Amino acid sequence: MSIHVANITDAPRQVIANASGTLREFAAVDQNAQGTGSLLAGLFQPVAANSTGDFFLMALLVDGPSKYGIFRDK
């Protein structure tokens, strides 16, 4: 599996492509950043992917106590 950044319409989004090439949204600008009380602001940066299927990305945050965060998705 791999992580790809894509611009879809006017809002940057992070999408994940699985081994068969199927894409799904991982994160998007103005989405709630789970567990932070903030919104995702952009500059999604893939950080890591491991062999068990966990993906990690860093994003800038707004409207909350933190300015950035690292998030995991499986």
PDB file of N, CA and C in Angstrom:
ATOM      1  N   MET A   1       0.846  -1.168   0.000  1.00  0.00           N
ATOM      2  CA  MET A   1       0.000   0.000   0.000  1.00  0.00           C
ATOM      3  C   MET A   1       0.889   1.229   0.000  1.00  0.00           C
ATOM      4  N   SER A   2       0.334   2.338  -0.511  1.00  0.00           N
ATOM      5  CA  SER A   2       1.124   3.554  -0.558  1.00  0.00           C
ATOM      6  C   SER A   2       0.255   4.748  -0.202  1.00  0.00           C
ATOM      7  N   ILE A   3       0.914   5.855   0.110  1.00  0.00           N
ATOM      8  CA  ILE A   3       0.220   7.085   0.456  1.00  0.00           C
ATOM      9  C   ILE A   3       0.486   8.087  -0.654  1.00  0.00           C
ATOM     10  N   HIS A   4      -0.565   8.755  -1.114  1.00  0.00           N
ATOM     11  CA  HIS A   4      -0.430   9.759  -2.163  1.00  0.00           C
ATOM     12  C   HIS A   4      -1.188  11.006  -1.751  1.00  0.00           C
ATOM     13  N   VAL A   5      -0.639  12.168  -2.067  1.00  0.00           N
ATOM     14  CA  VAL A   5      -1.339  13.436  -1.847  1.00  0.00           C
ATOM     15  C   VAL A   5      -2.020  13.810  -3.148  1.00  0.00           C
ATOM     16  N   ALA A   6      -3.273  14.244  -3.067  1.00  0.00           N
ATOM     17  CA  ALA A   6      -4.005  14.636  -4.265  1.00  0.00           C
ATOM     18  C   ALA A   6      -4.793  15.900  -3.989  1.00  0.00           C
ATOM     19  N   ASN A   7      -4.958  16.723  -4.987  1.00  0.00           N
ATOM     20  CA  ASN A   7      -5.845  17.876  -4.894  1.00  0.00           C
ATOM     21  C   ASN A   7      -7.132  17.520  -5.617  1.00  0.00           C
ATOM     22  N   ILE A   8      -8.219  17.465  -4.860  1.00  0.00           N
ATOM     23  CA  ILE A   8      -9.522  17.117  -5.408  1.00  0.00           C
ATOM     24  C   ILE A   8     -10.418  18.336  -5.232  1.00  0.00           C
ATOM     25  N   THR A   9     -10.999  18.836  -6.281  1.00  0.00           N
ATOM     26  CA  THR A   9     -11.737  20.104  -6.328  1.00  0.00           C
ATOM     27  C   THR A   9     -10.819  21.199  -5.785  1.00  0.00           C
ATOM     28  N   ASP A  10     -11.306  22.025  -4.876  1.00  0.00           N
ATOM     29  CA  ASP A  10     -10.500  23.133  -4.359  1.00  0.00           C
ATOM     30  C   ASP A  10      -9.870  22.836  -3.010  1.00  0.00           C
ATOM     31  N   ALA A  11     -10.172  21.709  -2.405  1.00  0.00           N
ATOM     32  CA  ALA A  11      -9.653  21.409  -1.068  1.00  0.00           C
ATOM     33  C   ALA A  11      -8.628  20.282  -1.139  1.00  0.00           C
ATOM     34  N   PRO A  12      -7.392  20.532  -0.682  1.00  0.00           N
ATOM     35  CA  PRO A  12      -6.401  19.441  -0.658  1.00  0.00           C
ATOM     36  C   PRO A  12      -6.890  18.295   0.216  1.00  0.00           C
ATOM     37  N   ARG A  13      -6.647  17.101  -0.249  1.00  0.00           N
ATOM     38  CA  ARG A  13      -7.038  15.894   0.469  1.00  0.00           C
ATOM     39  C   ARG A  13      -5.897  14.905   0.434  1.00  0.00           C
ATOM     40  N   GLN A  14      -5.838  14.084   1.450  1.00  0.00           N
ATOM     41  CA  GLN A  14      -4.877  12.984   1.490  1.00  0.00           C
ATOM     42  C   GLN A  14      -5.665  11.731   1.154  1.00  0.00           C
ATOM     43  N   VAL A  15      -5.182  10.978   0.191  1.00  0.00           N
ATOM     44  CA  VAL A  15      -5.847   9.730  -0.174  1.00  0.00           C
ATOM     45  C   VAL A  15      -4.859   8.582  -0.061  1.00  0.00           C
ATOM     46  N   ILE A  16      -5.388   7.397   0.166  1.00  0.00           N
ATOM     47  CA  ILE A  16      -4.579   6.184   0.279  1.00  0.00           C
ATOM     48  C   ILE A  16      -4.988   5.253  -0.848  1.00  0.00           C
ATOM     49  N   ALA A  17      -4.006   4.693  -1.522  1.00  0.00           N
ATOM     50  CA  ALA A  17      -4.262   3.691  -2.555  1.00  0.00           C
ATOM     51  C   ALA A  17      -3.873   2.331  -2.002  1.00  0.00           C
ATOM     52  N   ASN A  18      -4.810   1.371  -2.055  1.00  0.00           N
ATOM     53  CA  ASN A  18      -4.466   0.021  -1.596  1.00  0.00           C
ATOM     54  C   ASN A  18      -3.772  -0.748  -2.717  1.00  0.00           C
ATOM     55  N   ALA A  19      -3.423  -1.976  -2.474  1.00  0.00           N
ATOM     56  CA  ALA A  19      -2.658  -2.776  -3.437  1.00  0.00           C
ATOM     57  C   ALA A  19      -3.376  -2.924  -4.778  1.00  0.00           C
ATOM     58  N   SER A  20      -4.716  -2.893  -4.775  1.00  0.00           N
ATOM     59  CA  SER A  20      -5.465  -3.024  -6.027  1.00  0.00           C
ATOM     60  C   SER A  20      -5.660  -1.684  -6.727  1.00  0.00           C
ATOM     61  N   GLY A  21      -5.175  -0.593  -6.104  1.00  0.00           N
ATOM     62  CA  GLY A  21      -5.286   0.727  -6.711  1.00  0.00           C
ATOM     63  C   GLY A  21      -6.524   1.505  -6.323  1.00  0.00           C
ATOM     64  N   THR A  22      -7.365   0.956  -5.455  1.00  0.00           N
ATOM     65  CA  THR A  22      -8.563   1.654  -5.007  1.00  0.00           C
ATOM     66  C   THR A  22      -8.169   2.779  -4.062  1.00  0.00           C
ATOM     67  N   LEU A  23      -8.668   4.004  -4.343  1.00  0.00           N
ATOM     68  CA  LEU A  23      -8.365   5.161  -3.508  1.00  0.00           C
ATOM     69  C   LEU A  23      -9.468   5.399  -2.500  1.00  0.00           C
ATOM     70  N   ARG A  24      -9.079   5.874  -1.320  1.00  0.00           N
ATOM     71  CA  ARG A  24     -10.060   6.333  -0.335  1.00  0.00           C
ATOM     72  C   ARG A  24      -9.483   7.531   0.386  1.00  0.00           C
ATOM     73  N   GLU A  25     -10.363   8.419   0.806  1.00  0.00           N
ATOM     74  CA  GLU A  25      -9.925   9.629   1.499  1.00  0.00           C
ATOM     75  C   GLU A  25      -9.405   9.295   2.887  1.00  0.00           C
ATOM     76  N   PHE A  26      -8.311   9.918   3.233  1.00  0.00           N
ATOM     77  CA  PHE A  26      -7.698   9.748   4.548  1.00  0.00           C
ATOM     78  C   PHE A  26      -7.937  10.992   5.391  1.00  0.00           C
ATOM     79  N   ALA A  27      -7.786  12.165   4.790  1.00  0.00           N
ATOM     80  CA  ALA A  27      -7.972  13.432   5.497  1.00  0.00           C
ATOM     81  C   ALA A  27      -8.222  14.525   4.474  1.00  0.00           C
ATOM     82  N   ALA A  28      -8.910  15.599   4.905  1.00  0.00           N
ATOM     83  CA  ALA A  28      -9.181  16.732   4.027  1.00  0.00           C
ATOM     84  C   ALA A  28      -9.160  18.020   4.829  1.00  0.00           C
ATOM     85  N   VAL A  29      -8.799  19.111   4.163  1.00  0.00           N
ATOM     86  CA  VAL A  29      -8.809  20.427   4.791  1.00  0.00           C
ATOM     87  C   VAL A  29     -10.201  20.708   5.341  1.00  0.00           C
ATOM     88  N   ASP A  30     -10.256  21.336   6.508  1.00  0.00           N
ATOM     89  CA  ASP A  30     -11.481  21.714   7.223  1.00  0.00           C
ATOM     90  C   ASP A  30     -12.206  20.544   7.879  1.00  0.00           C
ATOM     91  N   GLN A  31     -11.635  19.349   7.842  1.00  0.00           N
ATOM     92  CA  GLN A  31     -12.179  18.203   8.583  1.00  0.00           C
ATOM     93  C   GLN A  31     -11.770  18.339  10.039  1.00  0.00           C
ATOM     94  N   ASN A  32     -12.572  17.789  10.943  1.00  0.00           N
ATOM     95  CA  ASN A  32     -12.176  17.728  12.344  1.00  0.00           C
ATOM     96  C   ASN A  32     -10.974  16.813  12.488  1.00  0.00           C
ATOM     97  N   ALA A  33      -9.988  17.276  13.231  1.00  0.00           N
ATOM     98  CA  ALA A  33      -8.804  16.464  13.523  1.00  0.00           C
ATOM     99  C   ALA A  33      -9.126  15.672  14.789  1.00  0.00           C
ATOM    100  N   GLN A  34      -9.443  14.421  14.620  1.00  0.00           N
ATOM    101  CA  GLN A  34      -9.940  13.573  15.705  1.00  0.00           C
ATOM    102  C   GLN A  34      -9.077  13.679  16.958  1.00  0.00           C
ATOM    103  N   GLY A  35      -9.748  13.919  18.080  1.00  0.00           N
ATOM    104  CA  GLY A  35      -9.087  13.942  19.380  1.00  0.00           C
ATOM    105  C   GLY A  35      -8.347  15.222  19.709  1.00  0.00           C
ATOM    106  N   THR A  36      -8.489  16.280  18.871  1.00  0.00           N
ATOM    107  CA  THR A  36      -7.715  17.498  19.114  1.00  0.00           C
ATOM    108  C   THR A  36      -8.556  18.731  19.380  1.00  0.00           C
ATOM    109  N   GLY A  37      -9.801  18.759  18.952  1.00  0.00           N
ATOM    110  CA  GLY A  37     -10.602  19.975  19.039  1.00  0.00           C
ATOM    111  C   GLY A  37     -10.205  20.987  17.980  1.00  0.00           C
ATOM    112  N   SER A  38      -9.418  20.568  16.992  1.00  0.00           N
ATOM    113  CA  SER A  38      -8.923  21.435  15.925  1.00  0.00           C
ATOM    114  C   SER A  38      -9.454  20.970  14.575  1.00  0.00           C
ATOM    115  N   LEU A  39      -9.235  21.806  13.575  1.00  0.00           N
ATOM    116  CA  LEU A  39      -9.539  21.448  12.193  1.00  0.00           C
ATOM    117  C   LEU A  39      -8.237  21.228  11.443  1.00  0.00           C
ATOM    118  N   LEU A  40      -8.264  20.324  10.460  1.00  0.00           N
ATOM    119  CA  LEU A  40      -7.106  20.128   9.602  1.00  0.00           C
ATOM    120  C   LEU A  40      -6.983  21.334   8.678  1.00  0.00           C
ATOM    121  N   ALA A  41      -5.793  21.935   8.633  1.00  0.00           N
ATOM    122  CA  ALA A  41      -5.589  23.144   7.838  1.00  0.00           C
ATOM    123  C   ALA A  41      -4.864  22.876   6.539  1.00  0.00           C
ATOM    124  N   GLY A  42      -4.125  21.801   6.451  1.00  0.00           N
ATOM    125  CA  GLY A  42      -3.445  21.498   5.206  1.00  0.00           C
ATOM    126  C   GLY A  42      -2.016  21.069   5.399  1.00  0.00           C
ATOM    127  N   LEU A  43      -1.273  21.115   4.295  1.00  0.00           N
ATOM    128  CA  LEU A  43       0.111  20.662   4.253  1.00  0.00           C
ATOM    129  C   LEU A  43       0.249  19.249   4.780  1.00  0.00           C
ATOM    130  N   PHE A  44      -0.585  18.364   4.289  1.00  0.00           N
ATOM    131  CA  PHE A  44      -0.515  16.964   4.686  1.00  0.00           C
ATOM    132  C   PHE A  44       0.827  16.397   4.251  1.00  0.00           C
ATOM    133  N   GLN A  45       1.520  15.794   5.169  1.00  0.00           N
ATOM    134  CA  GLN A  45       2.831  15.218   4.894  1.00  0.00           C
ATOM    135  C   GLN A  45       2.849  13.766   5.347  1.00  0.00           C
ATOM    136  N   PRO A  46       2.955  12.813   4.411  1.00  0.00           N
ATOM    137  CA  PRO A  46       3.083  11.418   4.839  1.00  0.00           C
ATOM    138  C   PRO A  46       4.319  11.259   5.718  1.00  0.00           C
ATOM    139  N   VAL A  47       4.151  10.568   6.826  1.00  0.00           N
ATOM    140  CA  VAL A  47       5.263  10.359   7.749  1.00  0.00           C
ATOM    141  C   VAL A  47       5.773   8.934   7.653  1.00  0.00           C
ATOM    142  N   ALA A  48       4.854   7.961   7.667  1.00  0.00           N
ATOM    143  CA  ALA A  48       5.279   6.564   7.648  1.00  0.00           C
ATOM    144  C   ALA A  48       4.109   5.658   7.293  1.00  0.00           C
ATOM    145  N   ALA A  49       4.445   4.483   6.835  1.00  0.00           N
ATOM    146  CA  ALA A  49       3.503   3.382   6.649  1.00  0.00           C
ATOM    147  C   ALA A  49       4.246   2.139   7.090  1.00  0.00           C
ATOM    148  N   ASN A  50       3.538   1.254   7.798  1.00  0.00           N
ATOM    149  CA  ASN A  50       4.232   0.046   8.257  1.00  0.00           C
ATOM    150  C   ASN A  50       3.618  -1.208   7.650  1.00  0.00           C
ATOM    151  N   SER A  51       4.226  -2.337   7.922  1.00  0.00           N
ATOM    152  CA  SER A  51       3.810  -3.599   7.306  1.00  0.00           C
ATOM    153  C   SER A  51       2.465  -4.110   7.814  1.00  0.00           C
ATOM    154  N   THR A  52       1.948  -3.557   8.905  1.00  0.00           N
ATOM    155  CA  THR A  52       0.643  -4.001   9.407  1.00  0.00           C
ATOM    156  C   THR A  52      -0.508  -3.160   8.865  1.00  0.00           C
ATOM    157  N   GLY A  53      -0.191  -2.203   7.966  1.00  0.00           N
ATOM    158  CA  GLY A  53      -1.240  -1.411   7.337  1.00  0.00           C
ATOM    159  C   GLY A  53      -1.555  -0.105   8.025  1.00  0.00           C
ATOM    160  N   ASP A  54      -0.760   0.292   9.009  1.00  0.00           N
ATOM    161  CA  ASP A  54      -0.957   1.589   9.654  1.00  0.00           C
ATOM    162  C   ASP A  54      -0.298   2.677   8.821  1.00  0.00           C
ATOM    163  N   PHE A  55      -0.993   3.804   8.633  1.00  0.00           N
ATOM    164  CA  PHE A  55      -0.464   4.959   7.919  1.00  0.00           C
ATOM    165  C   PHE A  55      -0.428   6.137   8.870  1.00  0.00           C
ATOM    166  N   PHE A  56       0.584   6.936   8.768  1.00  0.00           N
ATOM    167  CA  PHE A  56       0.750   8.106   9.629  1.00  0.00           C
ATOM    168  C   PHE A  56       0.968   9.328   8.750  1.00  0.00           C
ATOM    169  N   LEU A  57       0.323  10.441   9.105  1.00  0.00           N
ATOM    170  CA  LEU A  57       0.525  11.667   8.375  1.00  0.00           C
ATOM    171  C   LEU A  57       0.558  12.839   9.331  1.00  0.00           C
ATOM    172  N   MET A  58       1.312  13.868   8.953  1.00  0.00           N
ATOM    173  CA  MET A  58       1.382  15.094   9.733  1.00  0.00           C
ATOM    174  C   MET A  58       0.539  16.147   9.033  1.00  0.00           C
ATOM    175  N   ALA A  59      -0.185  16.962   9.810  1.00  0.00           N
ATOM    176  CA  ALA A  59      -1.010  18.017   9.237  1.00  0.00           C
ATOM    177  C   ALA A  59      -0.963  19.249  10.125  1.00  0.00           C
ATOM    178  N   LEU A  60      -1.107  20.416   9.506  1.00  0.00           N
ATOM    179  CA  LEU A  60      -1.266  21.653  10.249  1.00  0.00           C
ATOM    180  C   LEU A  60      -2.690  21.726  10.770  1.00  0.00           C
ATOM    181  N   LEU A  61      -2.859  22.306  11.959  1.00  0.00           N
ATOM    182  CA  LEU A  61      -4.166  22.402  12.597  1.00  0.00           C
ATOM    183  C   LEU A  61      -4.511  23.859  12.874  1.00  0.00           C
ATOM    184  N   VAL A  62      -5.809  24.165  12.906  1.00  0.00           N
ATOM    185  CA  VAL A  62      -6.295  25.504  13.259  1.00  0.00           C
ATOM    186  C   VAL A  62      -7.471  25.370  14.217  1.00  0.00           C
ATOM    187  N   ASP A  63      -7.774  26.471  14.895  1.00  0.00           N
ATOM    188  CA  ASP A  63      -8.937  26.556  15.797  1.00  0.00           C
ATOM    189  C   ASP A  63      -8.857  25.591  16.965  1.00  0.00           C
ATOM    190  N   GLY A  64      -7.685  25.352  17.478  1.00  0.00           N
ATOM    191  CA  GLY A  64      -7.529  24.466  18.625  1.00  0.00           C
ATOM    192  C   GLY A  64      -6.227  24.740  19.348  1.00  0.00           C
ATOM    193  N   PRO A  65      -5.920  23.929  20.346  1.00  0.00           N
ATOM    194  CA  PRO A  65      -4.735  24.169  21.172  1.00  0.00           C
ATOM    195  C   PRO A  65      -3.406  23.798  20.519  1.00  0.00           C
ATOM    196  N   SER A  66      -3.412  22.997  19.458  1.00  0.00           N
ATOM    197  CA  SER A  66      -2.172  22.565  18.813  1.00  0.00           C
ATOM    198  C   SER A  66      -2.056  23.151  17.414  1.00  0.00           C
ATOM    199  N   LYS A  67      -0.819  23.333  16.957  1.00  0.00           N
ATOM    200  CA  LYS A  67      -0.582  23.863  15.622  1.00  0.00           C
ATOM    201  C   LYS A  67      -0.352  22.773  14.592  1.00  0.00           C
ATOM    202  N   TYR A  68      -0.025  21.576  15.024  1.00  0.00           N
ATOM    203  CA  TYR A  68       0.178  20.453  14.116  1.00  0.00           C
ATOM    204  C   TYR A  68      -0.047  19.161  14.872  1.00  0.00           C
ATOM    205  N   GLY A  69      -0.198  18.082  14.123  1.00  0.00           N
ATOM    206  CA  GLY A  69      -0.385  16.774  14.751  1.00  0.00           C
ATOM    207  C   GLY A  69       0.005  15.674  13.797  1.00  0.00           C
ATOM    208  N   ILE A  70       0.232  14.498  14.349  1.00  0.00           N
ATOM    209  CA  ILE A  70       0.493  13.298  13.553  1.00  0.00           C
ATOM    210  C   ILE A  70      -0.666  12.346  13.807  1.00  0.00           C
ATOM    211  N   PHE A  71      -1.245  11.867  12.724  1.00  0.00           N
ATOM    212  CA  PHE A  71      -2.458  11.057  12.806  1.00  0.00           C
ATOM    213  C   PHE A  71      -2.230   9.691  12.186  1.00  0.00           C
ATOM    214  N   ARG A  72      -2.935   8.699  12.728  1.00  0.00           N
ATOM    215  CA  ARG A  72      -2.805   7.323  12.262  1.00  0.00           C
ATOM    216  C   ARG A  72      -4.120   6.852  11.676  1.00  0.00           C
ATOM    217  N   ASP A  73      -4.022   6.074  10.636  1.00  0.00           N
ATOM    218  CA  ASP A  73      -5.200   5.460  10.024  1.00  0.00           C
ATOM    219  C   ASP A  73      -4.821   4.047   9.607  1.00  0.00           C
ATOM    220  N   LYS A  74      -5.782   3.145   9.665  1.00  0.00           N
ATOM    221  CA  LYS A  74      -5.520   1.777   9.233  1.00  0.00           C
ATOM    222  C   LYS A  74      -6.588   1.357   8.261  1.00  0.00           C
TER     223      LYS A  74
END
